[in-house]
Structure formats: C-alpha cells, structure tokens
C-alpha cells in the first residue's frame, strides 16, 4: 500500500510536456502570419526576362489547416503559383509547388517539390527534390528549395546543385500589404 501511495506522489513529477520539434516551431512561426500578405524582392538570381524581375512579388499565408499551409506566391498579375507545406506524422515537412492555369486546372508541370530529410531548424527548412520532381522535371532532380524565417523576414530559395542556379526572394514580415485576390484554382 505504501508503494502505491508513493507512486501517486511522484507520478506528476515524471510527466513532462514534450518539447516542440524544430519543424513544429518553424510551422508555428508561419502560422502567426496566417491571413497576412507580404511583398518581396529578389535578393539573388534575378535576371531580365526571367518572368520575376521587375514584377511585384507577393506571398499570402492564405490557409492554415492543421497539417497543411497554403501560401500563394503572386508574380505581377500571375496568380498561378501556390506553395503547399504539409506536416506529416513524423513532424517532417513537405513542400509542393501547385501550379494552375487561369481557369483553375493544373498545369502540366505541377506538384513538384520535396520532403525535408529531418526536422530541420526552427528558422530553416530544406526540401531536396523528390522522385515525382525528377520524373516530370529531370533538370530539377538536383533542386533544393528552402525557407528561412525570423521575426522580420521570410526567404524562399532555390538552388540547383551542380549549376550556378540560385534564386532567393525575401519577404518583409514587418509590413503587411493588401490581401490579394485568390490564386487561380482556389476554392473558398
């Protein structure tokens, strides 16, 4: 009887809340911006005629579901791109690029991206190209995408390993902009 009483006395001491993984901390930082839109600028890799340079760049943390974040990335009037981040049961994040035509149908080259190899850092998540990407875009099979986040900025980055290709857009998280129209193919 004495053992049982001691067990009840010490049991609460042994129960410790599980600390968030780095990927969960990263996710939580993004979620704080749900509903907000931010303007960005090309920091690296922009060249005239690339379809990005000289255009207004806006990201909108549009949808924050339990395990899915949808972040449209608008390039001028083009609303075809949405980053889709998914948290799996192992607390590993996947990134997909959802590309749509103006009528809402999927483009031929869509749903490419990758899955983080581990929980990453609270301020950095990396996504090496997956098998689907290598199949539909062989040249992108060595792509690595990553996001960085801190109190003032979010960056979206692309590096093609084995080439000079590097592209970085930085978004200022201290200044929201007007909420843009829905991305092509979005259902409200």
N, C-alpha and C. Protein backbone atom coordinates (compact mmCIF):
# COMPACT_ATOMS: atom_id res chain seq x y z
N UNK A 1 0.83 -1.19 0.00
CA UNK A 1 0.00 0.00 0.00
C UNK A 1 0.87 1.25 0.00
N UNK A 2 1.94 1.21 0.82
CA UNK A 2 2.85 2.34 0.91
C UNK A 2 3.47 2.64 -0.47
N UNK A 3 3.81 1.61 -1.26
CA UNK A 3 4.40 1.78 -2.59
C UNK A 3 3.44 2.49 -3.53
N UNK A 4 2.19 2.13 -3.44
CA UNK A 4 1.19 2.75 -4.32
C UNK A 4 1.04 4.22 -3.98
N UNK A 5 1.01 4.57 -2.74
CA UNK A 5 0.89 5.97 -2.32
C UNK A 5 2.10 6.76 -2.81
N UNK A 6 3.29 6.22 -2.65
CA UNK A 6 4.49 6.90 -3.13
C UNK A 6 4.46 7.08 -4.64
N UNK A 7 3.95 6.10 -5.36
CA UNK A 7 3.84 6.20 -6.81
C UNK A 7 2.96 7.39 -7.19
N UNK A 8 1.85 7.55 -6.54
CA UNK A 8 0.96 8.67 -6.84
C UNK A 8 1.58 10.01 -6.48
N UNK A 9 2.39 10.02 -5.46
CA UNK A 9 3.04 11.26 -5.05
C UNK A 9 4.08 11.68 -6.10
N UNK A 10 4.85 10.74 -6.64
CA UNK A 10 5.92 11.07 -7.57
C UNK A 10 5.52 11.06 -9.03
N UNK A 11 4.39 10.48 -9.37
CA UNK A 11 3.96 10.38 -10.76
C UNK A 11 3.86 11.73 -11.46
N UNK A 12 3.24 12.75 -10.87
CA UNK A 12 3.17 14.04 -11.56
C UNK A 12 4.53 14.65 -11.87
N UNK A 13 5.51 14.37 -11.06
CA UNK A 13 6.85 14.90 -11.29
C UNK A 13 7.45 14.31 -12.56
N UNK A 14 7.11 13.06 -12.86
CA UNK A 14 7.69 12.36 -14.01
C UNK A 14 7.03 12.77 -15.33
N UNK A 15 5.85 13.33 -15.29
CA UNK A 15 5.15 13.72 -16.51
C UNK A 15 5.67 15.08 -16.97
N UNK A 16 6.31 15.10 -18.11
CA UNK A 16 6.90 16.33 -18.64
C UNK A 16 6.31 16.58 -20.02
N UNK A 17 5.92 17.79 -20.28
CA UNK A 17 5.38 18.13 -21.60
C UNK A 17 6.48 17.95 -22.65
N UNK A 18 6.10 17.32 -23.76
CA UNK A 18 7.07 17.10 -24.83
C UNK A 18 7.36 18.43 -25.52
N UNK A 19 8.63 18.72 -25.70
CA UNK A 19 9.04 19.95 -26.36
C UNK A 19 8.75 19.85 -27.85
N UNK A 20 8.41 20.98 -28.46
CA UNK A 20 8.16 21.02 -29.90
C UNK A 20 9.44 20.72 -30.67
N UNK A 21 9.28 20.03 -31.80
CA UNK A 21 10.42 19.82 -32.69
C UNK A 21 10.73 21.14 -33.39
N UNK A 22 11.89 21.20 -34.02
CA UNK A 22 12.27 22.40 -34.79
C UNK A 22 11.27 22.66 -35.92
N UNK A 23 10.80 21.59 -36.56
CA UNK A 23 9.83 21.78 -37.65
C UNK A 23 8.51 22.34 -37.12
N UNK A 24 8.09 21.92 -35.93
CA UNK A 24 6.87 22.46 -35.33
C UNK A 24 7.04 23.94 -34.97
N UNK A 25 8.23 24.30 -34.50
CA UNK A 25 8.49 25.71 -34.18
C UNK A 25 8.48 26.56 -35.46
N UNK A 26 9.07 26.04 -36.54
CA UNK A 26 9.04 26.72 -37.84
C UNK A 26 7.59 26.91 -38.28
N UNK A 27 6.82 25.83 -38.21
CA UNK A 27 5.41 25.84 -38.61
C UNK A 27 4.63 26.89 -37.81
N UNK A 28 4.85 26.92 -36.50
CA UNK A 28 4.15 27.87 -35.63
C UNK A 28 4.48 29.31 -36.01
N UNK A 29 5.73 29.57 -36.40
CA UNK A 29 6.10 30.92 -36.83
C UNK A 29 5.32 31.32 -38.09
N UNK A 30 5.22 30.38 -39.04
CA UNK A 30 4.44 30.67 -40.25
C UNK A 30 2.97 30.90 -39.92
N UNK A 31 2.43 30.08 -39.04
CA UNK A 31 1.01 30.20 -38.68
C UNK A 31 0.67 31.56 -38.06
N UNK A 32 1.62 32.19 -37.40
CA UNK A 32 1.33 33.51 -36.80
C UNK A 32 1.00 34.54 -37.88
N UNK A 33 1.36 34.25 -39.12
CA UNK A 33 1.10 35.18 -40.23
C UNK A 33 -0.11 34.77 -41.07
N UNK A 34 -0.86 33.79 -40.60
CA UNK A 34 -1.99 33.31 -41.38
C UNK A 34 -2.97 34.45 -41.66
N UNK A 35 -3.34 34.56 -42.93
CA UNK A 35 -4.24 35.62 -43.38
C UNK A 35 -3.52 36.85 -43.88
N UNK A 36 -2.24 36.96 -43.58
CA UNK A 36 -1.47 38.15 -43.96
C UNK A 36 -0.75 37.95 -45.30
N UNK A 37 -0.53 39.06 -45.98
CA UNK A 37 0.21 39.08 -47.24
C UNK A 37 1.40 40.03 -47.09
N UNK A 38 2.48 39.70 -47.80
CA UNK A 38 3.72 40.47 -47.68
C UNK A 38 4.36 40.63 -49.05
N UNK A 39 5.00 41.76 -49.26
CA UNK A 39 5.70 42.00 -50.52
C UNK A 39 7.14 41.52 -50.38
N UNK A 40 7.68 41.03 -51.50
CA UNK A 40 9.03 40.53 -51.50
C UNK A 40 9.88 41.17 -52.57
N UNK A 41 11.17 40.89 -52.50
CA UNK A 41 12.10 41.36 -53.51
C UNK A 41 13.12 40.26 -53.79
N UNK A 42 13.56 40.21 -55.04
CA UNK A 42 14.58 39.24 -55.42
C UNK A 42 15.91 39.70 -54.84
N UNK A 43 16.54 38.82 -54.11
CA UNK A 43 17.83 39.11 -53.49
C UNK A 43 18.96 38.52 -54.33
N UNK A 44 18.72 37.33 -54.88
CA UNK A 44 19.73 36.62 -55.67
C UNK A 44 19.07 35.96 -56.86
N UNK A 45 19.71 36.02 -58.00
CA UNK A 45 19.30 35.23 -59.14
C UNK A 45 18.34 35.85 -60.13
N UNK A 46 17.92 37.04 -59.88
CA UNK A 46 17.01 37.68 -60.82
C UNK A 46 17.74 38.21 -62.04
N UNK A 47 17.21 37.91 -63.23
CA UNK A 47 17.77 38.45 -64.46
C UNK A 47 16.62 38.90 -65.35
N UNK A 48 16.86 39.91 -66.13
CA UNK A 48 15.84 40.42 -67.03
C UNK A 48 15.30 39.29 -67.91
N UNK A 49 13.97 39.24 -68.01
CA UNK A 49 13.34 38.23 -68.86
C UNK A 49 13.07 36.91 -68.17
N UNK A 50 13.35 36.80 -66.85
CA UNK A 50 13.12 35.54 -66.15
C UNK A 50 11.67 35.35 -65.71
N UNK A 51 10.84 36.34 -65.94
CA UNK A 51 9.44 36.26 -65.54
C UNK A 51 9.18 36.76 -64.13
N UNK A 52 10.22 37.04 -63.37
CA UNK A 52 10.10 37.52 -61.99
C UNK A 52 10.63 38.94 -61.83
N UNK A 53 11.76 39.22 -62.45
CA UNK A 53 12.42 40.51 -62.29
C UNK A 53 11.53 41.63 -62.81
N UNK A 54 11.42 42.67 -62.00
CA UNK A 54 10.61 43.82 -62.37
C UNK A 54 9.14 43.67 -62.07
N UNK A 55 8.73 42.55 -61.52
CA UNK A 55 7.32 42.30 -61.18
C UNK A 55 7.12 42.47 -59.68
N UNK A 56 5.90 42.84 -59.31
CA UNK A 56 5.55 42.90 -57.90
C UNK A 56 5.42 41.46 -57.39
N UNK A 57 6.11 41.13 -56.30
CA UNK A 57 6.11 39.79 -55.74
C UNK A 57 5.39 39.81 -54.39
N UNK A 58 4.34 39.02 -54.27
CA UNK A 58 3.52 38.99 -53.05
C UNK A 58 3.34 37.54 -52.62
N UNK A 59 3.51 37.28 -51.34
CA UNK A 59 3.12 35.98 -50.78
C UNK A 59 1.98 36.21 -49.81
N UNK A 60 1.05 35.28 -49.77
CA UNK A 60 -0.12 35.40 -48.91
C UNK A 60 -0.27 34.09 -48.13
N UNK A 61 -0.10 34.15 -46.83
CA UNK A 61 -0.30 32.96 -46.00
C UNK A 61 -1.82 32.81 -45.87
N UNK A 62 -2.38 32.17 -46.88
CA UNK A 62 -3.83 32.20 -47.11
C UNK A 62 -4.60 31.18 -46.28
N UNK A 63 -4.07 29.99 -46.13
CA UNK A 63 -4.82 28.91 -45.49
C UNK A 63 -3.92 28.17 -44.52
N UNK A 64 -4.39 28.07 -43.28
CA UNK A 64 -3.64 27.38 -42.24
C UNK A 64 -4.53 26.31 -41.63
N UNK A 65 -4.45 25.11 -42.19
CA UNK A 65 -5.18 23.97 -41.64
C UNK A 65 -4.25 23.23 -40.70
N UNK A 66 -4.77 22.21 -40.03
CA UNK A 66 -3.97 21.50 -39.02
C UNK A 66 -2.63 21.01 -39.56
N UNK A 67 -2.61 20.39 -40.72
CA UNK A 67 -1.37 19.84 -41.25
C UNK A 67 -1.02 20.37 -42.64
N UNK A 68 -1.68 21.43 -43.08
CA UNK A 68 -1.42 21.99 -44.40
C UNK A 68 -1.45 23.51 -44.36
N UNK A 69 -0.39 24.12 -44.89
CA UNK A 69 -0.35 25.57 -45.07
C UNK A 69 -0.31 25.83 -46.57
N UNK A 70 -1.17 26.73 -47.06
CA UNK A 70 -1.20 27.10 -48.48
C UNK A 70 -0.80 28.57 -48.58
N UNK A 71 0.28 28.79 -49.34
CA UNK A 71 0.84 30.14 -49.45
C UNK A 71 0.96 30.50 -50.93
N UNK A 72 -0.04 31.19 -51.48
CA UNK A 72 0.09 31.65 -52.86
C UNK A 72 1.25 32.62 -53.00
N UNK A 73 1.95 32.51 -54.13
CA UNK A 73 3.07 33.38 -54.47
C UNK A 73 2.72 34.04 -55.80
N UNK A 74 2.38 35.33 -55.73
CA UNK A 74 1.94 36.08 -56.91
C UNK A 74 3.13 36.81 -57.54
N UNK A 75 3.23 36.70 -58.85
CA UNK A 75 4.28 37.37 -59.61
C UNK A 75 3.56 38.31 -60.58
N UNK A 76 3.51 39.60 -60.23
CA UNK A 76 2.73 40.54 -61.02
C UNK A 76 1.27 40.11 -61.00
N UNK A 77 0.66 40.01 -62.18
CA UNK A 77 -0.74 39.60 -62.29
C UNK A 77 -0.89 38.08 -62.33
N UNK A 78 0.21 37.36 -62.35
CA UNK A 78 0.17 35.90 -62.44
C UNK A 78 -0.12 35.31 -61.06
N UNK A 79 -1.25 34.63 -60.95
CA UNK A 79 -1.68 34.01 -59.69
C UNK A 79 -1.67 32.49 -59.78
N UNK A 80 -0.72 31.95 -60.56
CA UNK A 80 -0.70 30.51 -60.83
C UNK A 80 0.02 29.67 -59.77
N UNK A 81 0.80 30.29 -58.90
CA UNK A 81 1.69 29.54 -58.00
C UNK A 81 1.19 29.53 -56.56
N UNK A 82 1.21 28.35 -55.96
CA UNK A 82 0.93 28.23 -54.53
C UNK A 82 1.91 27.23 -53.93
N UNK A 83 2.56 27.65 -52.85
CA UNK A 83 3.40 26.73 -52.09
C UNK A 83 2.49 25.99 -51.12
N UNK A 84 2.58 24.68 -51.11
CA UNK A 84 1.78 23.87 -50.20
C UNK A 84 2.74 23.14 -49.27
N UNK A 85 2.68 23.48 -48.01
CA UNK A 85 3.51 22.84 -46.99
C UNK A 85 2.62 21.87 -46.20
N UNK A 86 3.12 20.64 -46.03
CA UNK A 86 2.37 19.62 -45.32
C UNK A 86 3.24 19.03 -44.22
N UNK A 87 2.67 18.94 -43.02
CA UNK A 87 3.37 18.34 -41.87
C UNK A 87 2.91 16.90 -41.75
N UNK A 88 3.84 15.95 -41.82
CA UNK A 88 3.44 14.54 -41.70
C UNK A 88 3.49 14.08 -40.24
N UNK A 89 3.13 12.85 -40.00
CA UNK A 89 3.05 12.33 -38.63
C UNK A 89 4.39 12.27 -37.92
N UNK A 90 5.50 12.27 -38.66
CA UNK A 90 6.83 12.27 -38.05
C UNK A 90 7.35 13.68 -37.80
N UNK A 91 6.49 14.67 -38.01
CA UNK A 91 6.84 16.09 -37.84
C UNK A 91 7.86 16.54 -38.88
N UNK A 92 7.83 15.90 -40.05
CA UNK A 92 8.67 16.27 -41.19
C UNK A 92 7.77 17.04 -42.16
N UNK A 93 8.29 18.10 -42.76
CA UNK A 93 7.51 18.95 -43.64
C UNK A 93 7.83 18.64 -45.09
N UNK A 94 6.80 18.63 -45.92
CA UNK A 94 6.95 18.50 -47.38
C UNK A 94 6.54 19.82 -48.02
N UNK A 95 7.17 20.12 -49.16
CA UNK A 95 6.84 21.30 -49.96
C UNK A 95 6.42 20.84 -51.35
N UNK A 96 5.30 21.33 -51.82
CA UNK A 96 4.86 21.11 -53.20
C UNK A 96 4.56 22.47 -53.82
N UNK A 97 4.84 22.56 -55.11
CA UNK A 97 4.51 23.76 -55.88
C UNK A 97 3.28 23.44 -56.71
N UNK A 98 2.15 24.03 -56.34
CA UNK A 98 0.88 23.81 -57.03
C UNK A 98 0.74 24.90 -58.09
N UNK A 99 0.82 24.51 -59.35
CA UNK A 99 0.72 25.46 -60.46
C UNK A 99 -0.59 25.27 -61.19
N UNK A 100 -1.32 26.36 -61.41
CA UNK A 100 -2.65 26.32 -62.03
C UNK A 100 -2.73 27.28 -63.21
N UNK A 101 -3.56 26.89 -64.18
CA UNK A 101 -3.92 27.79 -65.27
C UNK A 101 -4.95 28.78 -64.75
N UNK A 102 -5.18 29.83 -65.50
CA UNK A 102 -6.14 30.84 -65.09
C UNK A 102 -7.54 30.26 -64.88
N UNK A 103 -7.88 29.19 -65.61
CA UNK A 103 -9.20 28.57 -65.44
C UNK A 103 -9.24 27.62 -64.24
N UNK A 104 -8.13 27.48 -63.51
CA UNK A 104 -8.09 26.67 -62.30
C UNK A 104 -7.58 25.26 -62.48
N UNK A 105 -7.43 24.80 -63.72
CA UNK A 105 -6.92 23.45 -63.94
C UNK A 105 -5.42 23.42 -63.69
N UNK A 106 -4.93 22.23 -63.33
CA UNK A 106 -3.49 22.08 -63.05
C UNK A 106 -2.68 22.22 -64.33
N UNK A 107 -1.53 22.88 -64.21
CA UNK A 107 -0.59 22.93 -65.31
C UNK A 107 0.06 21.55 -65.45
N UNK A 108 0.71 21.30 -66.57
CA UNK A 108 1.40 20.03 -66.78
C UNK A 108 2.50 19.83 -65.76
N UNK A 109 3.28 20.88 -65.51
CA UNK A 109 4.35 20.81 -64.53
C UNK A 109 3.86 21.39 -63.21
N UNK A 110 3.40 20.51 -62.34
CA UNK A 110 2.85 20.93 -61.06
C UNK A 110 3.12 19.87 -60.01
N UNK A 111 2.90 20.23 -58.78
CA UNK A 111 3.07 19.34 -57.63
C UNK A 111 4.51 18.83 -57.48
N UNK A 112 5.46 19.61 -57.96
CA UNK A 112 6.86 19.23 -57.77
C UNK A 112 7.35 19.84 -56.46
N UNK A 113 8.41 19.27 -55.91
CA UNK A 113 8.97 19.75 -54.65
C UNK A 113 9.74 18.65 -53.97
N UNK A 114 9.65 18.62 -52.65
CA UNK A 114 10.39 17.61 -51.91
C UNK A 114 9.99 17.58 -50.45
N UNK A 115 10.62 16.67 -49.72
CA UNK A 115 10.35 16.48 -48.30
C UNK A 115 11.65 16.66 -47.54
N UNK A 116 11.56 17.36 -46.44
CA UNK A 116 12.73 17.57 -45.60
C UNK A 116 13.27 16.22 -45.13
N UNK A 117 14.57 16.10 -45.04
CA UNK A 117 15.20 14.85 -44.60
C UNK A 117 15.12 14.66 -43.08
N UNK A 118 14.84 15.75 -42.36
CA UNK A 118 14.76 15.70 -40.90
C UNK A 118 13.91 16.87 -40.42
N UNK A 119 13.88 17.14 -39.13
CA UNK A 119 13.05 18.22 -38.60
C UNK A 119 13.65 19.60 -38.83
N UNK A 120 14.85 19.68 -39.39
CA UNK A 120 15.45 20.97 -39.72
C UNK A 120 15.69 21.84 -38.50
N UNK A 121 15.61 23.14 -38.74
CA UNK A 121 15.77 24.12 -37.67
C UNK A 121 14.49 24.93 -37.55
N UNK A 122 14.32 25.57 -36.42
CA UNK A 122 13.13 26.41 -36.23
C UNK A 122 13.12 27.58 -37.21
N UNK A 123 14.28 27.94 -37.73
CA UNK A 123 14.40 29.08 -38.65
C UNK A 123 14.72 28.67 -40.08
N UNK A 124 14.84 27.37 -40.35
CA UNK A 124 15.26 26.89 -41.67
C UNK A 124 14.69 25.51 -41.95
N UNK A 125 14.03 25.37 -43.08
CA UNK A 125 13.54 24.07 -43.54
C UNK A 125 13.98 23.88 -44.98
N UNK A 126 14.58 22.71 -45.28
CA UNK A 126 15.12 22.41 -46.61
C UNK A 126 14.38 21.24 -47.24
N UNK A 127 14.20 21.33 -48.57
CA UNK A 127 13.41 20.35 -49.30
C UNK A 127 14.14 19.90 -50.57
N UNK A 128 14.89 18.81 -50.51
CA UNK A 128 15.53 18.30 -51.73
C UNK A 128 14.47 17.71 -52.66
N UNK A 129 14.70 17.82 -53.95
CA UNK A 129 13.75 17.33 -54.95
C UNK A 129 13.41 15.85 -54.72
N UNK A 130 12.12 15.53 -54.88
CA UNK A 130 11.67 14.15 -54.70
C UNK A 130 11.58 13.42 -56.04
N UNK A 131 11.17 12.16 -56.00
CA UNK A 131 11.10 11.32 -57.21
C UNK A 131 10.10 11.87 -58.22
N UNK A 132 8.98 12.41 -57.76
CA UNK A 132 7.99 12.99 -58.69
C UNK A 132 8.61 14.15 -59.46
N UNK A 133 9.36 14.97 -58.76
CA UNK A 133 10.04 16.11 -59.40
C UNK A 133 11.03 15.62 -60.46
N UNK A 134 11.84 14.64 -60.11
CA UNK A 134 12.83 14.10 -61.05
C UNK A 134 12.15 13.52 -62.28
N UNK A 135 10.97 12.95 -62.10
CA UNK A 135 10.25 12.34 -63.23
C UNK A 135 9.68 13.39 -64.18
N UNK A 136 9.03 14.43 -63.63
CA UNK A 136 8.37 15.41 -64.51
C UNK A 136 9.29 16.54 -64.95
N UNK A 137 10.35 16.80 -64.17
CA UNK A 137 11.32 17.85 -64.48
C UNK A 137 12.73 17.31 -64.26
N UNK A 138 13.25 16.47 -65.15
CA UNK A 138 14.56 15.85 -64.92
C UNK A 138 15.67 16.87 -64.58
N UNK A 139 15.65 18.04 -65.20
CA UNK A 139 16.68 19.04 -64.92
C UNK A 139 16.62 19.53 -63.47
N UNK A 140 15.44 19.39 -62.83
CA UNK A 140 15.26 19.85 -61.46
C UNK A 140 15.52 18.76 -60.43
N UNK A 141 16.00 17.61 -60.86
CA UNK A 141 16.21 16.50 -59.92
C UNK A 141 17.26 16.80 -58.86
N UNK A 142 18.10 17.81 -59.11
CA UNK A 142 19.09 18.21 -58.10
C UNK A 142 18.69 19.50 -57.39
N UNK A 143 17.44 19.92 -57.55
CA UNK A 143 16.97 21.12 -56.87
C UNK A 143 16.88 20.90 -55.36
N UNK A 144 17.19 21.96 -54.64
CA UNK A 144 16.93 22.03 -53.21
C UNK A 144 16.24 23.37 -52.98
N UNK A 145 15.05 23.30 -52.39
CA UNK A 145 14.33 24.51 -52.01
C UNK A 145 14.46 24.65 -50.50
N UNK A 146 14.46 25.90 -50.02
CA UNK A 146 14.43 26.09 -48.58
C UNK A 146 13.80 27.43 -48.25
N UNK A 147 13.23 27.44 -47.04
CA UNK A 147 12.67 28.66 -46.47
C UNK A 147 13.46 28.99 -45.22
N UNK A 148 13.70 30.28 -45.01
CA UNK A 148 14.21 30.75 -43.73
C UNK A 148 13.18 31.71 -43.17
N UNK A 149 13.10 31.79 -41.86
CA UNK A 149 12.16 32.71 -41.23
C UNK A 149 12.77 33.23 -39.94
N UNK A 150 12.52 34.52 -39.68
CA UNK A 150 12.87 35.13 -38.40
C UNK A 150 11.79 36.16 -38.11
N UNK A 151 12.01 37.03 -37.16
CA UNK A 151 10.98 38.00 -36.77
C UNK A 151 10.67 39.02 -37.86
N UNK A 152 11.60 39.24 -38.78
CA UNK A 152 11.40 40.31 -39.77
C UNK A 152 11.29 39.84 -41.21
N UNK A 153 11.79 38.64 -41.54
CA UNK A 153 11.83 38.21 -42.94
C UNK A 153 11.52 36.73 -43.10
N UNK A 154 10.99 36.42 -44.26
CA UNK A 154 10.90 35.04 -44.74
C UNK A 154 11.58 35.02 -46.10
N UNK A 155 12.43 34.03 -46.33
CA UNK A 155 13.00 33.89 -47.67
C UNK A 155 12.56 32.56 -48.26
N UNK A 156 12.37 32.59 -49.57
CA UNK A 156 12.14 31.40 -50.39
C UNK A 156 13.36 31.28 -51.27
N UNK A 157 13.95 30.10 -51.30
CA UNK A 157 15.22 29.91 -52.00
C UNK A 157 15.17 28.66 -52.86
N UNK A 158 15.88 28.71 -53.97
CA UNK A 158 16.05 27.55 -54.85
C UNK A 158 17.51 27.49 -55.27
N UNK A 159 18.11 26.31 -55.10
CA UNK A 159 19.47 26.07 -55.59
C UNK A 159 19.42 24.79 -56.41
N UNK A 160 19.96 24.85 -57.62
CA UNK A 160 20.11 23.65 -58.44
C UNK A 160 21.56 23.20 -58.29
N UNK A 161 21.75 22.11 -57.55
CA UNK A 161 23.08 21.58 -57.28
C UNK A 161 23.74 21.21 -58.61
N UNK A 162 25.02 21.56 -58.73
CA UNK A 162 25.77 21.26 -59.95
C UNK A 162 25.61 22.31 -61.03
N UNK A 163 24.99 23.45 -60.67
CA UNK A 163 24.84 24.55 -61.62
C UNK A 163 25.01 25.87 -60.87
N UNK A 164 24.95 26.95 -61.61
CA UNK A 164 25.03 28.27 -61.00
C UNK A 164 23.66 28.78 -60.55
N UNK A 165 22.62 28.00 -60.77
CA UNK A 165 21.27 28.48 -60.49
C UNK A 165 21.03 28.63 -58.98
N UNK A 166 20.75 29.85 -58.59
CA UNK A 166 20.39 30.20 -57.22
C UNK A 166 19.38 31.32 -57.31
N UNK A 167 18.27 31.18 -56.61
CA UNK A 167 17.21 32.17 -56.65
C UNK A 167 16.70 32.38 -55.23
N UNK A 168 16.64 33.63 -54.80
CA UNK A 168 16.17 33.96 -53.45
C UNK A 168 15.25 35.17 -53.51
N UNK A 169 14.09 35.02 -52.89
CA UNK A 169 13.16 36.13 -52.71
C UNK A 169 12.98 36.33 -51.21
N UNK A 170 13.14 37.57 -50.76
CA UNK A 170 12.97 37.89 -49.33
C UNK A 170 11.69 38.70 -49.16
N UNK A 171 10.86 38.28 -48.20
CA UNK A 171 9.61 38.95 -47.89
C UNK A 171 9.73 39.65 -46.55
N UNK A 172 9.30 40.89 -46.50
CA UNK A 172 9.37 41.69 -45.28
C UNK A 172 8.15 41.39 -44.42
N UNK A 173 8.33 40.66 -43.32
CA UNK A 173 7.23 40.26 -42.45
C UNK A 173 6.80 41.36 -41.49
N UNK A 174 7.46 42.52 -41.55
CA UNK A 174 7.09 43.62 -40.64
C UNK A 174 6.03 44.53 -41.26
N UNK A 175 5.76 44.36 -42.57
CA UNK A 175 4.81 45.23 -43.26
C UNK A 175 3.83 44.40 -44.09
N UNK A 176 2.60 44.31 -43.62
CA UNK A 176 1.60 43.60 -44.41
C UNK A 176 1.15 44.49 -45.57
N UNK A 177 0.67 43.82 -46.61
CA UNK A 177 0.10 44.52 -47.77
C UNK A 177 -1.34 44.06 -47.92
N UNK A 178 -2.08 44.73 -48.80
CA UNK A 178 -3.48 44.37 -49.02
C UNK A 178 -3.59 42.90 -49.42
N UNK A 179 -4.62 42.25 -48.91
CA UNK A 179 -4.86 40.85 -49.25
C UNK A 179 -5.17 40.75 -50.73
N UNK A 180 -4.39 39.95 -51.46
CA UNK A 180 -4.62 39.82 -52.91
C UNK A 180 -5.84 38.95 -53.21
N UNK A 181 -6.22 38.95 -54.48
CA UNK A 181 -7.28 38.05 -54.93
C UNK A 181 -6.84 36.61 -54.70
N UNK A 182 -7.79 35.71 -54.79
CA UNK A 182 -7.47 34.28 -54.62
C UNK A 182 -6.58 33.80 -55.77
N UNK A 183 -5.73 32.84 -55.49
CA UNK A 183 -4.91 32.26 -56.57
C UNK A 183 -5.83 31.49 -57.53
N UNK A 184 -5.34 31.31 -58.72
CA UNK A 184 -6.12 30.56 -59.71
C UNK A 184 -6.37 29.14 -59.18
N UNK A 185 -7.60 28.71 -59.31
CA UNK A 185 -7.98 27.37 -58.88
C UNK A 185 -8.36 27.24 -57.44
N UNK A 186 -8.27 28.33 -56.65
CA UNK A 186 -8.62 28.25 -55.22
C UNK A 186 -10.13 28.13 -55.06
N UNK A 187 -10.51 27.35 -54.08
CA UNK A 187 -11.93 27.17 -53.77
C UNK A 187 -12.12 27.72 -52.36
N UNK A 188 -13.01 28.69 -52.24
CA UNK A 188 -13.27 29.27 -50.90
C UNK A 188 -14.50 28.65 -50.28
